[in-house]
Protein backbone atom coordinates (compact mmCIF):
# COMPACT_ATOMS: atom_id res chain seq x y z
CA MET A 1 0.00 0.00 0.00
CA ILE A 2 1.21 3.50 -0.89
CA GLU A 3 -0.18 6.78 0.41
CA THR A 4 -0.09 10.27 -1.04
CA ASP A 5 -1.59 13.43 0.41
CA ARG A 6 -5.11 12.55 -0.77
CA LEU A 7 -4.92 8.97 -2.00
CA ILE A 8 -4.29 5.39 -1.03
CA LEU A 9 -2.84 3.15 -3.73
CA ARG A 10 -3.47 -0.51 -2.94
CA PRO A 11 -4.17 -3.79 -4.73
CA MET A 12 -7.66 -3.99 -6.18
CA ASP A 13 -10.01 -6.30 -4.28
CA GLU A 14 -13.53 -7.72 -4.61
CA GLY A 15 -14.98 -4.73 -2.79
CA ASP A 16 -13.95 -2.53 -5.71
CA LEU A 17 -16.25 -4.21 -8.25
CA GLU A 18 -19.04 -1.62 -8.17
CA ASP A 19 -16.66 1.36 -8.27
CA PHE A 20 -14.78 -0.33 -11.14
CA TYR A 21 -18.07 -0.80 -13.01
CA GLU A 22 -18.98 2.83 -12.37
CA ILE A 23 -15.73 3.89 -14.06
CA PHE A 24 -15.74 1.52 -17.03
CA SER A 25 -19.42 1.89 -17.88
CA THR A 26 -19.28 5.64 -18.52
CA GLU A 27 -19.49 7.23 -21.96
CA GLU A 28 -16.47 9.42 -21.16
CA VAL A 29 -14.20 6.44 -20.45
CA GLY A 30 -15.80 4.49 -23.31
CA ARG A 31 -14.41 7.09 -25.73
CA PHE A 32 -10.90 5.79 -25.03
CA ILE A 33 -11.33 2.28 -23.65
CA ASN A 34 -13.96 -0.31 -24.44
CA LYS A 35 -17.03 0.32 -22.32
CA MET A 36 -17.82 -2.59 -19.99
CA THR A 37 -21.11 -4.12 -18.91
CA HIS A 38 -21.70 -5.32 -15.36
CA GLU A 39 -21.29 -8.91 -16.60
CA SER A 40 -17.95 -8.15 -18.29
CA VAL A 41 -16.70 -6.49 -15.09
CA GLU A 42 -17.70 -9.59 -13.10
CA ARG A 43 -15.79 -11.78 -15.61
CA TYR A 44 -12.78 -9.48 -15.31
CA PHE A 45 -12.78 -9.84 -11.51
CA GLU A 46 -13.21 -13.62 -11.82
CA LYS A 47 -10.12 -13.82 -14.05
CA LYS A 48 -8.15 -11.61 -11.62
CA ARG A 49 -8.94 -14.02 -8.76
CA ASN A 50 -7.03 -16.78 -10.51
CA LYS A 51 -3.98 -14.74 -11.51
CA PRO A 52 -1.05 -13.47 -9.46
CA GLN A 53 -1.32 -9.76 -8.62
CA ASN A 54 0.88 -7.32 -10.54
CA PRO A 55 2.94 -5.65 -7.78
CA TYR A 56 2.89 -2.38 -9.74
CA SER A 57 -0.88 -2.17 -10.31
CA PHE A 58 -3.11 -0.25 -7.93
CA ALA A 59 -6.65 0.73 -7.13
CA VAL A 60 -6.66 4.49 -6.52
CA VAL A 61 -8.77 5.22 -3.45
CA LEU A 62 -9.71 8.50 -1.83
CA LYS A 63 -8.40 8.74 1.73
CA GLU A 64 -11.40 10.79 2.82
CA ASN A 65 -14.05 8.14 2.12
CA GLY A 66 -12.45 4.93 0.78
CA LYS A 67 -14.04 5.23 -2.67
CA MET A 68 -12.04 3.74 -5.53
CA ILE A 69 -11.86 6.49 -8.16
CA GLY A 70 -9.48 4.87 -10.61
CA THR A 71 -6.74 2.44 -11.43
CA CYS A 72 -3.09 3.18 -12.08
CA GLY A 73 -0.32 0.76 -12.77
CA VAL A 74 2.73 -0.29 -14.69
CA LYS A 75 3.16 -3.56 -16.53
CA LEU A 76 6.83 -4.58 -16.47
CA ASP A 77 8.55 -6.32 -19.37
CA PRO A 78 11.21 -8.25 -17.41
CA GLU A 79 13.34 -8.84 -20.52
CA THR A 80 13.87 -5.12 -21.14
CA ASN A 81 13.19 -3.80 -17.61
CA VAL A 82 10.78 -1.31 -19.18
CA GLY A 83 7.33 -0.67 -17.77
CA THR A 84 4.17 0.50 -19.50
CA LEU A 85 2.07 2.98 -17.53
CA SER A 86 -1.71 2.91 -17.77
CA TYR A 87 -4.47 4.58 -15.84
CA VAL A 88 -8.23 5.08 -15.88
CA PHE A 89 -10.21 7.41 -13.63
CA ASN A 90 -13.86 7.99 -12.89
CA PRO A 91 -14.89 11.07 -14.93
CA ASN A 92 -16.43 12.60 -11.80
CA TYR A 93 -12.84 12.99 -10.52
CA TRP A 94 -11.17 14.31 -13.68
CA SER A 95 -9.37 17.67 -13.61
CA LYS A 96 -8.74 17.53 -9.87
CA GLY A 97 -5.10 16.36 -10.00
CA TYR A 98 -5.81 12.81 -8.81
CA CYS A 99 -4.43 11.16 -11.94
CA THR A 100 -1.19 13.15 -11.78
CA GLU A 101 -0.84 12.48 -8.04
CA ALA A 102 -1.33 8.74 -8.48
CA CYS A 103 0.87 8.43 -11.58
CA ARG A 104 3.75 10.36 -10.01
CA GLU A 105 3.71 8.06 -6.99
CA VAL A 106 3.45 4.90 -9.10
CA MET A 107 6.35 6.09 -11.27
CA ARG A 108 8.44 6.87 -8.18
CA TYR A 109 7.67 3.45 -6.79
CA CYS A 110 8.56 1.69 -10.05
CA PHE A 111 11.86 3.54 -10.46
CA GLU A 112 12.93 3.41 -6.81
CA GLU A 113 11.47 0.13 -5.53
CA GLY A 114 11.06 -1.74 -8.82
CA ASN A 115 14.37 -0.46 -10.21
CA MET A 116 12.89 -0.10 -13.70
CA ASP A 117 15.05 1.54 -16.36
CA LYS A 118 12.27 3.24 -18.32
CA ILE A 119 8.53 3.81 -18.23
CA GLU A 120 6.49 4.21 -21.41
CA ALA A 121 2.88 5.20 -22.03
CA ASP A 122 0.59 5.73 -24.98
CA CYS A 123 -2.80 7.22 -25.69
CA PHE A 124 -5.07 8.05 -28.61
CA GLU A 125 -3.69 11.13 -30.35
CA ASP A 126 -6.98 12.95 -29.79
CA ASN A 127 -6.91 12.37 -26.01
CA GLU A 128 -5.71 15.87 -25.11
CA ALA A 129 -6.14 15.33 -21.37
CA SER A 130 -3.83 12.29 -21.31
CA ILE A 131 -1.32 14.00 -23.58
CA HIS A 132 -1.25 16.90 -21.10
CA VAL A 133 -0.80 14.58 -18.10
CA LEU A 134 1.93 12.52 -19.76
CA SER A 135 3.93 15.36 -21.28
CA LYS A 136 3.37 18.31 -18.94
CA LYS A 137 2.57 16.79 -15.55
CA LEU A 138 4.73 13.64 -15.68
CA ASN A 139 7.53 15.10 -17.85
CA MET A 140 7.45 12.17 -20.24
CA ARG A 141 8.98 12.83 -23.66
CA ALA A 142 7.22 12.14 -26.94
CA GLU A 143 8.73 9.12 -28.66
CA LYS A 144 9.19 9.47 -32.39
CA GLY A 145 9.25 6.58 -34.80
CA LYS A 146 6.63 4.46 -33.07
CA TYR A 147 3.30 4.03 -34.75
CA ARG A 148 0.17 2.14 -33.90
CA GLU A 149 -3.45 2.67 -34.69
CA GLU A 150 -6.50 0.98 -33.36
CA LEU A 151 -10.22 0.99 -33.98
CA ASN A 152 -11.81 3.26 -31.39
CA SER A 153 -14.98 1.34 -30.54
CA TYR A 154 -16.73 4.53 -29.46
CA THR A 155 -16.10 6.61 -32.59
CA GLN A 156 -15.82 3.60 -34.93
CA LYS A 157 -12.77 5.28 -36.47
CA VAL A 158 -9.24 3.99 -36.72
CA THR A 159 -7.25 6.32 -34.48
CA PRO A 160 -3.47 6.68 -34.20
CA PHE A 161 -1.66 6.67 -30.86
CA LYS A 162 0.95 9.00 -29.40
CA PHE A 163 3.84 7.48 -27.45
CA PHE A 164 5.70 8.88 -24.45
CA ALA A 165 8.53 7.68 -22.22
CA ILE A 166 10.85 8.69 -19.42
CA THR A 167 14.07 6.95 -18.36
CA LYS A 168 15.09 6.46 -14.76
CA GLU A 169 18.00 8.84 -15.37
CA GLN A 170 15.71 11.58 -16.73
CA TYR A 171 13.20 10.98 -13.93
CA ASN A 172 15.93 11.41 -11.30
CA LYS A 173 17.23 14.55 -13.04
CA ASP A 174 13.70 16.04 -13.15
CA ALA A 175 13.11 15.11 -9.50
CA ASN A 176 16.29 16.94 -8.46
CA LEU A 177 15.20 20.05 -10.37
CA THR A 178 12.01 20.30 -8.34
CA LYS A 179 13.72 19.99 -4.95
């Protein structure tokens, strides 16, 4: 478990099912990630029960009331020692700094405790909010030369992705600049 000023980052558990459904069933989240039904959320939790927990994946919970407002985590590729950051938040909690607060702490944890060499992230190129978080709030650099596109199930259009990354060295340099 990790704590920030306003958040608790902990492994997701069965008690998070309804909050998870609340997040993944919204139109706003559905624009960027496949919208989920209650049944698909239940199947997701069933699969999670039978798999080992990712030590770098967290439910993001408000300290003030225990409500899970999002997920934030890094999937590590052990062969390259590079992690891939992902996050999803309840739209009712967007633009309040929670995503940045959680991501910064998860990145710190992955670099310091997980000893990762680099953390990458991607998002649809029309997801201005994520581009802002990744580039401006988390100081990740745009990665050139990578290209991927995917059918956005909400818009029914094939949409390109933008790629970002930060190395442990750059992260440490940036951290020292803010001290």
